[in-house]
Structure formats: C-alpha cells, structure tokens
Amino acid sequence: MFSQTLRRAAAQSARSPLVGRYSVPPHFDGITASTVVKAGSIAATFGVSAGVFALFFFGEVPRVRKDILQKLPFFDTYLDRTVPPEDNPF
C-alpha cells in the first residue's frame, strides 16, 4: 500500500545501540501470565479466608464439629463436648 522511501529505509536501518530492546509478552485479550498469577493469588487468599471463617462460624453445629473439626490434630480434645458422669443429673 505504501512504498518504502529512501528516508524511511535509512531511518529503520540506522539504530542507536543505546535504544533499549523491548518485546511484547504473550497475552490473550490483554491478559498476561503475570496478571493471571496475581489475580489467582488474591482469589486464593480470599477463598482460604472465607473457608476458615465459614468453618469456625459453623463450628458450633454438632455435625461440623464432629465430622470436620475434631479430625484436626489439635482441636480434637479442645472441641470435645462430652458431659462428665459426675455432672450428669440422671
């Protein structure tokens, strides 16, 4: 469409060694791998914190306490809610 002029050809061939080289990283619709890693780490942090919150929020539900929390190594004796025989009124 455009013809190469002598001036343009001379400008493209003469390049200063001080000019930095650059490259465009591979992307998909402008989303690069570093963007995906950054967003994934933020999403994972929010997901873990929401999961821990939900686990301890529902920790007083007997089914959650027995099936999930008492299987963790340090919570098994802490979350044991058995009534000692001497405190049982019957």
PDB file of N, CA and C in Angstrom:
ATOM      1  N   MET A   1       0.820  -1.181   0.000  1.00  0.00           N
ATOM      2  CA  MET A   1       0.000   0.000   0.000  1.00  0.00           C
ATOM      3  C   MET A   1       0.871   1.254   0.000  1.00  0.00           C
ATOM      4  N   PHE A   2       1.846   1.323   0.900  1.00  0.00           N
ATOM      5  CA  PHE A   2       2.773   2.440   0.923  1.00  0.00           C
ATOM      6  C   PHE A   2       4.110   1.963   0.402  1.00  0.00           C
ATOM      7  N   SER A   3       4.736   2.772  -0.364  1.00  0.00           N
ATOM      8  CA  SER A   3       6.057   2.388  -0.870  1.00  0.00           C
ATOM      9  C   SER A   3       7.127   2.858   0.105  1.00  0.00           C
ATOM     10  N   GLN A   4       8.200   2.119   0.140  1.00  0.00           N
ATOM     11  CA  GLN A   4       9.305   2.434   1.036  1.00  0.00           C
ATOM     12  C   GLN A   4      10.077   3.610   0.435  1.00  0.00           C
ATOM     13  N   THR A   5      10.255   4.657   1.210  1.00  0.00           N
ATOM     14  CA  THR A   5      11.044   5.788   0.742  1.00  0.00           C
ATOM     15  C   THR A   5      12.473   5.633   1.220  1.00  0.00           C
ATOM     16  N   LEU A   6      13.372   6.354   0.593  1.00  0.00           N
ATOM     17  CA  LEU A   6      14.778   6.270   0.990  1.00  0.00           C
ATOM     18  C   LEU A   6      14.983   6.780   2.409  1.00  0.00           C
ATOM     19  N   ARG A   7      14.239   7.799   2.765  1.00  0.00           N
ATOM     20  CA  ARG A   7      14.381   8.370   4.110  1.00  0.00           C
ATOM     21  C   ARG A   7      13.919   7.368   5.176  1.00  0.00           C
ATOM     22  N   ARG A   8      12.784   6.696   4.917  1.00  0.00           N
ATOM     23  CA  ARG A   8      12.268   5.717   5.866  1.00  0.00           C
ATOM     24  C   ARG A   8      13.208   4.510   5.966  1.00  0.00           C
ATOM     25  N   ALA A   9      13.739   4.071   4.863  1.00  0.00           N
ATOM     26  CA  ALA A   9      14.672   2.948   4.872  1.00  0.00           C
ATOM     27  C   ALA A   9      15.930   3.295   5.644  1.00  0.00           C
ATOM     28  N   ALA A  10      16.419   4.520   5.506  1.00  0.00           N
ATOM     29  CA  ALA A  10      17.614   4.945   6.229  1.00  0.00           C
ATOM     30  C   ALA A  10      17.328   5.046   7.723  1.00  0.00           C
ATOM     31  N   ALA A  11      16.144   5.496   8.079  1.00  0.00           N
ATOM     32  CA  ALA A  11      15.795   5.629   9.496  1.00  0.00           C
ATOM     33  C   ALA A  11      15.622   4.259  10.152  1.00  0.00           C
ATOM     34  N   GLN A  12      15.142   3.295   9.432  1.00  0.00           N
ATOM     35  CA  GLN A  12      14.957   1.970  10.007  1.00  0.00           C
ATOM     36  C   GLN A  12      16.261   1.199  10.100  1.00  0.00           C
ATOM     37  N   SER A  13      17.182   1.458   9.211  1.00  0.00           N
ATOM     38  CA  SER A  13      18.439   0.709   9.250  1.00  0.00           C
ATOM     39  C   SER A  13      19.400   1.288  10.271  1.00  0.00           C
ATOM     40  N   ALA A  14      19.364   2.590  10.506  1.00  0.00           N
ATOM     41  CA  ALA A  14      20.269   3.211  11.463  1.00  0.00           C
ATOM     42  C   ALA A  14      19.615   3.195  12.840  1.00  0.00           C
ATOM     43  N   ARG A  15      20.118   2.343  13.698  1.00  0.00           N
ATOM     44  CA  ARG A  15      19.560   2.228  15.040  1.00  0.00           C
ATOM     45  C   ARG A  15      20.650   2.474  16.054  1.00  0.00           C
ATOM     46  N   SER A  16      20.362   3.273  17.021  1.00  0.00           N
ATOM     47  CA  SER A  16      21.344   3.582  18.046  1.00  0.00           C
ATOM     48  C   SER A  16      21.525   2.381  18.969  1.00  0.00           C
ATOM     49  N   PRO A  17      22.748   2.092  19.411  1.00  0.00           N
ATOM     50  CA  PRO A  17      22.944   0.988  20.345  1.00  0.00           C
ATOM     51  C   PRO A  17      22.428   1.299  21.746  1.00  0.00           C
ATOM     52  N   LEU A  18      22.109   2.544  22.005  1.00  0.00           N
ATOM     53  CA  LEU A  18      21.612   2.933  23.323  1.00  0.00           C
ATOM     54  C   LEU A  18      20.109   2.736  23.467  1.00  0.00           C
ATOM     55  N   VAL A  19      19.439   2.482  22.368  1.00  0.00           N
ATOM     56  CA  VAL A  19      17.996   2.283  22.415  1.00  0.00           C
ATOM     57  C   VAL A  19      17.725   0.893  22.966  1.00  0.00           C
ATOM     58  N   GLY A  20      16.877   0.820  23.949  1.00  0.00           N
ATOM     59  CA  GLY A  20      16.568  -0.470  24.567  1.00  0.00           C
ATOM     60  C   GLY A  20      15.713  -1.343  23.674  1.00  0.00           C
ATOM     61  N   ARG A  21      15.912  -2.609  23.799  1.00  0.00           N
ATOM     62  CA  ARG A  21      15.075  -3.559  23.061  1.00  0.00           C
ATOM     63  C   ARG A  21      13.874  -3.892  23.927  1.00  0.00           C
ATOM     64  N   TYR A  22      12.764  -4.040  23.323  1.00  0.00           N
ATOM     65  CA  TYR A  22      11.569  -4.399  24.056  1.00  0.00           C
ATOM     66  C   TYR A  22      10.853  -5.503  23.327  1.00  0.00           C
ATOM     67  N   SER A  23      10.064  -6.227  24.083  1.00  0.00           N
ATOM     68  CA  SER A  23       9.259  -7.278  23.478  1.00  0.00           C
ATOM     69  C   SER A  23       7.892  -7.268  24.143  1.00  0.00           C
ATOM     70  N   VAL A  24       6.916  -7.681  23.398  1.00  0.00           N
ATOM     71  CA  VAL A  24       5.554  -7.742  23.914  1.00  0.00           C
ATOM     72  C   VAL A  24       5.339  -9.155  24.455  1.00  0.00           C
ATOM     73  N   PRO A  25       4.980  -9.287  25.747  1.00  0.00           N
ATOM     74  CA  PRO A  25       4.767 -10.633  26.283  1.00  0.00           C
ATOM     75  C   PRO A  25       3.530 -11.274  25.661  1.00  0.00           C
ATOM     76  N   PRO A  26       3.509 -12.595  25.582  1.00  0.00           N
ATOM     77  CA  PRO A  26       2.320 -13.243  25.034  1.00  0.00           C
ATOM     78  C   PRO A  26       1.095 -12.963  25.911  1.00  0.00           C
ATOM     79  N   HIS A  27      -0.014 -12.734  25.266  1.00  0.00           N
ATOM     80  CA  HIS A  27      -1.226 -12.387  26.010  1.00  0.00           C
ATOM     81  C   HIS A  27      -2.443 -12.913  25.283  1.00  0.00           C
ATOM     82  N   PHE A  28      -3.537 -12.962  26.010  1.00  0.00           N
ATOM     83  CA  PHE A  28      -4.836 -13.325  25.450  1.00  0.00           C
ATOM     84  C   PHE A  28      -5.812 -12.240  25.834  1.00  0.00           C
ATOM     85  N   ASP A  29      -6.260 -11.464  24.876  1.00  0.00           N
ATOM     86  CA  ASP A  29      -7.134 -10.306  25.102  1.00  0.00           C
ATOM     87  C   ASP A  29      -6.546  -9.342  26.129  1.00  0.00           C
ATOM     88  N   GLY A  30      -5.238  -9.176  26.117  1.00  0.00           N
ATOM     89  CA  GLY A  30      -4.575  -8.245  27.026  1.00  0.00           C
ATOM     90  C   GLY A  30      -4.284  -8.809  28.397  1.00  0.00           C
ATOM     91  N   ILE A  31      -4.594 -10.060  28.631  1.00  0.00           N
ATOM     92  CA  ILE A  31      -4.340 -10.690  29.929  1.00  0.00           C
ATOM     93  C   ILE A  31      -3.070 -11.518  29.813  1.00  0.00           C
ATOM     94  N   THR A  32      -2.047 -11.129  30.558  1.00  0.00           N
ATOM     95  CA  THR A  32      -0.773 -11.836  30.506  1.00  0.00           C
ATOM     96  C   THR A  32      -0.708 -12.871  31.630  1.00  0.00           C
ATOM     97  N   ALA A  33       0.346 -13.671  31.613  1.00  0.00           N
ATOM     98  CA  ALA A  33       0.511 -14.709  32.631  1.00  0.00           C
ATOM     99  C   ALA A  33       0.729 -14.091  34.017  1.00  0.00           C
ATOM    100  N   SER A  34       1.460 -12.982  34.083  1.00  0.00           N
ATOM    101  CA  SER A  34       1.677 -12.348  35.386  1.00  0.00           C
ATOM    102  C   SER A  34       0.371 -11.792  35.958  1.00  0.00           C
ATOM    103  N   THR A  35      -0.517 -11.308  35.111  1.00  0.00           N
ATOM    104  CA  THR A  35      -1.821 -10.830  35.572  1.00  0.00           C
ATOM    105  C   THR A  35      -2.648 -11.977  36.130  1.00  0.00           C
ATOM    106  N   VAL A  36      -2.591 -13.124  35.454  1.00  0.00           N
ATOM    107  CA  VAL A  36      -3.346 -14.295  35.924  1.00  0.00           C
ATOM    108  C   VAL A  36      -2.801 -14.789  37.257  1.00  0.00           C
ATOM    109  N   VAL A  37      -1.478 -14.803  37.408  1.00  0.00           N
ATOM    110  CA  VAL A  37      -0.873 -15.256  38.667  1.00  0.00           C
ATOM    111  C   VAL A  37      -1.234 -14.308  39.802  1.00  0.00           C
ATOM    112  N   LYS A  38      -1.188 -13.012  39.544  1.00  0.00           N
ATOM    113  CA  LYS A  38      -1.514 -12.032  40.585  1.00  0.00           C
ATOM    114  C   LYS A  38      -2.980 -12.139  41.010  1.00  0.00           C
ATOM    115  N   ALA A  39      -3.887 -12.233  40.031  1.00  0.00           N
ATOM    116  CA  ALA A  39      -5.313 -12.355  40.347  1.00  0.00           C
ATOM    117  C   ALA A  39      -5.612 -13.690  41.016  1.00  0.00           C
ATOM    118  N   GLY A  40      -4.916 -14.746  40.605  1.00  0.00           N
ATOM    119  CA  GLY A  40      -5.121 -16.054  41.225  1.00  0.00           C
ATOM    120  C   GLY A  40      -4.675 -16.087  42.670  1.00  0.00           C
ATOM    121  N   SER A  41      -3.567 -15.441  42.986  1.00  0.00           N
ATOM    122  CA  SER A  41      -3.114 -15.427  44.381  1.00  0.00           C
ATOM    123  C   SER A  41      -4.058 -14.615  45.265  1.00  0.00           C
ATOM    124  N   ILE A  42      -4.589 -13.530  44.736  1.00  0.00           N
ATOM    125  CA  ILE A  42      -5.553 -12.733  45.504  1.00  0.00           C
ATOM    126  C   ILE A  42      -6.836 -13.534  45.720  1.00  0.00           C
ATOM    127  N   ALA A  43      -7.307 -14.212  44.677  1.00  0.00           N
ATOM    128  CA  ALA A  43      -8.531 -15.019  44.797  1.00  0.00           C
ATOM    129  C   ALA A  43      -8.328 -16.184  45.758  1.00  0.00           C
ATOM    130  N   ALA A  44      -7.155 -16.803  45.732  1.00  0.00           N
ATOM    131  CA  ALA A  44      -6.879 -17.905  46.650  1.00  0.00           C
ATOM    132  C   ALA A  44      -6.840 -17.418  48.097  1.00  0.00           C
ATOM    133  N   THR A  45      -6.277 -16.249  48.327  1.00  0.00           N
ATOM    134  CA  THR A  45      -6.236 -15.692  49.685  1.00  0.00           C
ATOM    135  C   THR A  45      -7.643 -15.421  50.205  1.00  0.00           C
ATOM    136  N   PHE A  46      -8.481 -14.815  49.384  1.00  0.00           N
ATOM    137  CA  PHE A  46      -9.858 -14.567  49.795  1.00  0.00           C
ATOM    138  C   PHE A  46     -10.621 -15.873  49.995  1.00  0.00           C
ATOM    139  N   GLY A  47     -10.372 -16.863  49.153  1.00  0.00           N
ATOM    140  CA  GLY A  47     -11.056 -18.150  49.281  1.00  0.00           C
ATOM    141  C   GLY A  47     -10.686 -18.878  50.554  1.00  0.00           C
ATOM    142  N   VAL A  48      -9.400 -18.884  50.882  1.00  0.00           N
ATOM    143  CA  VAL A  48      -8.963 -19.548  52.119  1.00  0.00           C
ATOM    144  C   VAL A  48      -9.519 -18.833  53.335  1.00  0.00           C
ATOM    145  N   SER A  49      -9.492 -17.509  53.330  1.00  0.00           N
ATOM    146  CA  SER A  49     -10.013 -16.781  54.493  1.00  0.00           C
ATOM    147  C   SER A  49     -11.523 -16.967  54.632  1.00  0.00           C
ATOM    148  N   ALA A  50     -12.245 -17.020  53.525  1.00  0.00           N
ATOM    149  CA  ALA A  50     -13.691 -17.269  53.590  1.00  0.00           C
ATOM    150  C   ALA A  50     -13.979 -18.687  54.080  1.00  0.00           C
ATOM    151  N   GLY A  51     -13.167 -19.649  53.670  1.00  0.00           N
ATOM    152  CA  GLY A  51     -13.344 -21.030  54.125  1.00  0.00           C
ATOM    153  C   GLY A  51     -13.082 -21.183  55.613  1.00  0.00           C
ATOM    154  N   VAL A  52     -12.027 -20.551  56.107  1.00  0.00           N
ATOM    155  CA  VAL A  52     -11.723 -20.614  57.543  1.00  0.00           C
ATOM    156  C   VAL A  52     -12.821 -19.928  58.345  1.00  0.00           C
ATOM    157  N   PHE A  53     -13.303 -18.780  57.851  1.00  0.00           N
ATOM    158  CA  PHE A  53     -14.405 -18.096  58.531  1.00  0.00           C
ATOM    159  C   PHE A  53     -15.637 -18.989  58.598  1.00  0.00           C
ATOM    160  N   ALA A  54     -16.009 -19.598  57.474  1.00  0.00           N
ATOM    161  CA  ALA A  54     -17.204 -20.447  57.442  1.00  0.00           C
ATOM    162  C   ALA A  54     -17.042 -21.652  58.356  1.00  0.00           C
ATOM    163  N   LEU A  55     -15.844 -22.210  58.394  1.00  0.00           N
ATOM    164  CA  LEU A  55     -15.604 -23.380  59.240  1.00  0.00           C
ATOM    165  C   LEU A  55     -15.787 -23.045  60.713  1.00  0.00           C
ATOM    166  N   PHE A  56     -15.227 -21.932  61.156  1.00  0.00           N
ATOM    167  CA  PHE A  56     -15.367 -21.570  62.562  1.00  0.00           C
ATOM    168  C   PHE A  56     -16.718 -20.924  62.870  1.00  0.00           C
ATOM    169  N   PHE A  57     -17.372 -20.338  61.881  1.00  0.00           N
ATOM    170  CA  PHE A  57     -18.711 -19.800  62.100  1.00  0.00           C
ATOM    171  C   PHE A  57     -19.708 -20.929  62.352  1.00  0.00           C
ATOM    172  N   PHE A  58     -19.578 -22.006  61.585  1.00  0.00           N
ATOM    173  CA  PHE A  58     -20.456 -23.157  61.756  1.00  0.00           C
ATOM    174  C   PHE A  58     -19.847 -24.197  62.698  1.00  0.00           C
ATOM    175  N   GLY A  59     -18.847 -23.821  63.455  1.00  0.00           N
ATOM    176  CA  GLY A  59     -18.155 -24.743  64.340  1.00  0.00           C
ATOM    177  C   GLY A  59     -19.004 -25.248  65.492  1.00  0.00           C
ATOM    178  N   GLU A  60     -20.025 -24.547  65.856  1.00  0.00           N
ATOM    179  CA  GLU A  60     -20.880 -24.982  66.957  1.00  0.00           C
ATOM    180  C   GLU A  60     -21.980 -25.927  66.507  1.00  0.00           C
ATOM    181  N   VAL A  61     -22.119 -26.129  65.219  1.00  0.00           N
ATOM    182  CA  VAL A  61     -23.069 -27.113  64.718  1.00  0.00           C
ATOM    183  C   VAL A  61     -22.462 -28.487  64.999  1.00  0.00           C
ATOM    184  N   PRO A  62     -23.187 -29.368  65.689  1.00  0.00           N
ATOM    185  CA  PRO A  62     -22.579 -30.642  66.104  1.00  0.00           C
ATOM    186  C   PRO A  62     -22.033 -31.478  64.949  1.00  0.00           C
ATOM    187  N   ARG A  63     -22.698 -31.459  63.825  1.00  0.00           N
ATOM    188  CA  ARG A  63     -22.242 -32.265  62.690  1.00  0.00           C
ATOM    189  C   ARG A  63     -20.897 -31.753  62.154  1.00  0.00           C
ATOM    190  N   VAL A  64     -20.754 -30.438  62.060  1.00  0.00           N
ATOM    191  CA  VAL A  64     -19.495 -29.850  61.600  1.00  0.00           C
ATOM    192  C   VAL A  64     -18.402 -30.108  62.615  1.00  0.00           C
ATOM    193  N   ARG A  65     -18.720 -29.972  63.893  1.00  0.00           N
ATOM    194  CA  ARG A  65     -17.736 -30.176  64.941  1.00  0.00           C
ATOM    195  C   ARG A  65     -17.217 -31.608  64.941  1.00  0.00           C
ATOM    196  N   LYS A  66     -18.137 -32.592  64.812  1.00  0.00           N
ATOM    197  CA  LYS A  66     -17.726 -34.000  64.843  1.00  0.00           C
ATOM    198  C   LYS A  66     -17.014 -34.426  63.570  1.00  0.00           C
ATOM    199  N   ASP A  67     -17.598 -34.092  62.424  1.00  0.00           N
ATOM    200  CA  ASP A  67     -17.090 -34.619  61.162  1.00  0.00           C
ATOM    201  C   ASP A  67     -15.865 -33.888  60.634  1.00  0.00           C
ATOM    202  N   ILE A  68     -15.713 -32.620  60.967  1.00  0.00           N
ATOM    203  CA  ILE A  68     -14.609 -31.854  60.380  1.00  0.00           C
ATOM    204  C   ILE A  68     -13.599 -31.416  61.431  1.00  0.00           C
ATOM    205  N   LEU A  69     -14.065 -30.681  62.430  1.00  0.00           N
ATOM    206  CA  LEU A  69     -13.127 -30.037  63.341  1.00  0.00           C
ATOM    207  C   LEU A  69     -12.436 -31.005  64.293  1.00  0.00           C
ATOM    208  N   GLN A  70     -13.116 -32.063  64.734  1.00  0.00           N
ATOM    209  CA  GLN A  70     -12.471 -32.984  65.656  1.00  0.00           C
ATOM    210  C   GLN A  70     -11.478 -33.905  64.968  1.00  0.00           C
ATOM    211  N   LYS A  71     -11.437 -33.888  63.649  1.00  0.00           N
ATOM    212  CA  LYS A  71     -10.442 -34.680  62.925  1.00  0.00           C
ATOM    213  C   LYS A  71      -9.137 -33.928  62.748  1.00  0.00           C
ATOM    214  N   LEU A  72      -9.104 -32.659  63.103  1.00  0.00           N
ATOM    215  CA  LEU A  72      -7.858 -31.898  63.068  1.00  0.00           C
ATOM    216  C   LEU A  72      -7.048 -32.233  64.320  1.00  0.00           C
ATOM    217  N   PRO A  73      -5.729 -32.291  64.227  1.00  0.00           N
ATOM    218  CA  PRO A  73      -4.907 -32.815  65.329  1.00  0.00           C
ATOM    219  C   PRO A  73      -5.051 -32.090  66.661  1.00  0.00           C
ATOM    220  N   PHE A  74      -5.086 -30.775  66.684  1.00  0.00           N
ATOM    221  CA  PHE A  74      -5.086 -30.072  67.967  1.00  0.00           C
ATOM    222  C   PHE A  74      -6.477 -29.707  68.470  1.00  0.00           C
ATOM    223  N   PHE A  75      -7.483 -29.826  67.621  1.00  0.00           N
ATOM    224  CA  PHE A  75      -8.834 -29.450  68.013  1.00  0.00           C
ATOM    225  C   PHE A  75      -9.644 -30.617  68.557  1.00  0.00           C
ATOM    226  N   ASP A  76      -9.140 -31.839  68.478  1.00  0.00           N
ATOM    227  CA  ASP A  76      -9.955 -32.988  68.859  1.00  0.00           C
ATOM    228  C   ASP A  76     -10.312 -32.973  70.348  1.00  0.00           C
ATOM    229  N   THR A  77      -9.371 -32.688  71.228  1.00  0.00           N
ATOM    230  CA  THR A  77      -9.700 -32.637  72.659  1.00  0.00           C
ATOM    231  C   THR A  77     -10.301 -31.292  73.059  1.00  0.00           C
ATOM    232  N   TYR A  78      -9.943 -30.232  72.345  1.00  0.00           N
ATOM    233  CA  TYR A  78     -10.467 -28.911  72.674  1.00  0.00           C
ATOM    234  C   TYR A  78     -11.962 -28.820  72.386  1.00  0.00           C
ATOM    235  N   LEU A  79     -12.415 -29.461  71.350  1.00  0.00           N
ATOM    236  CA  LEU A  79     -13.815 -29.374  70.952  1.00  0.00           C
ATOM    237  C   LEU A  79     -14.657 -30.537  71.474  1.00  0.00           C
ATOM    238  N   ASP A  80     -14.123 -31.326  72.357  1.00  0.00           N
ATOM    239  CA  ASP A  80     -14.880 -32.440  72.918  1.00  0.00           C
ATOM    240  C   ASP A  80     -15.899 -31.887  73.913  1.00  0.00           C
ATOM    241  N   ARG A  81     -17.189 -32.100  73.639  1.00  0.00           N
ATOM    242  CA  ARG A  81     -18.259 -31.535  74.461  1.00  0.00           C
ATOM    243  C   ARG A  81     -18.996 -32.602  75.277  1.00  0.00           C
ATOM    244  N   THR A  82     -18.325 -33.654  75.635  1.00  0.00           N
ATOM    245  CA  THR A  82     -18.987 -34.694  76.430  1.00  0.00           C
ATOM    246  C   THR A  82     -19.154 -34.220  77.868  1.00  0.00           C
ATOM    247  N   VAL A  83     -20.243 -34.637  78.482  1.00  0.00           N
ATOM    248  CA  VAL A  83     -20.547 -34.259  79.862  1.00  0.00           C
ATOM    249  C   VAL A  83     -19.954 -35.338  80.779  1.00  0.00           C
ATOM    250  N   PRO A  84     -19.151 -34.938  81.768  1.00  0.00           N
ATOM    251  CA  PRO A  84     -18.599 -35.943  82.672  1.00  0.00           C
ATOM    252  C   PRO A  84     -19.724 -36.638  83.449  1.00  0.00           C
ATOM    253  N   PRO A  85     -19.558 -37.895  83.852  1.00  0.00           N
ATOM    254  CA  PRO A  85     -20.624 -38.621  84.553  1.00  0.00           C
ATOM    255  C   PRO A  85     -21.038 -37.962  85.873  1.00  0.00           C
ATOM    256  N   GLU A  86     -20.133 -37.322  86.566  1.00  0.00           N
ATOM    257  CA  GLU A  86     -20.495 -36.693  87.832  1.00  0.00           C
ATOM    258  C   GLU A  86     -21.364 -35.458  87.653  1.00  0.00           C
ATOM    259  N   ASP A  87     -21.344 -34.848  86.458  1.00  0.00           N
ATOM    260  CA  ASP A  87     -22.180 -33.686  86.194  1.00  0.00           C
ATOM    261  C   ASP A  87     -23.513 -34.058  85.568  1.00  0.00           C
ATOM    262  N   ASN A  88     -23.712 -35.302  85.244  1.00  0.00           N
ATOM    263  CA  ASN A  88     -24.945 -35.751  84.631  1.00  0.00           C
ATOM    264  C   ASN A  88     -26.029 -35.889  85.722  1.00  0.00           C
ATOM    265  N   PRO A  89     -27.135 -35.197  85.596  1.00  0.00           N
ATOM    266  CA  PRO A  89     -28.152 -35.223  86.659  1.00  0.00           C
ATOM    267  C   PRO A  89     -28.958 -36.530  86.665  1.00  0.00           C
ATOM    268  N   PHE A  90     -28.828 -37.398  85.710  1.00  0.00           N
ATOM    269  CA  PHE A  90     -29.664 -38.599  85.672  1.00  0.00           C
ATOM    270  C   PHE A  90     -28.915 -39.798  86.111  1.00  0.00           C
TER     271      PHE A  90
END
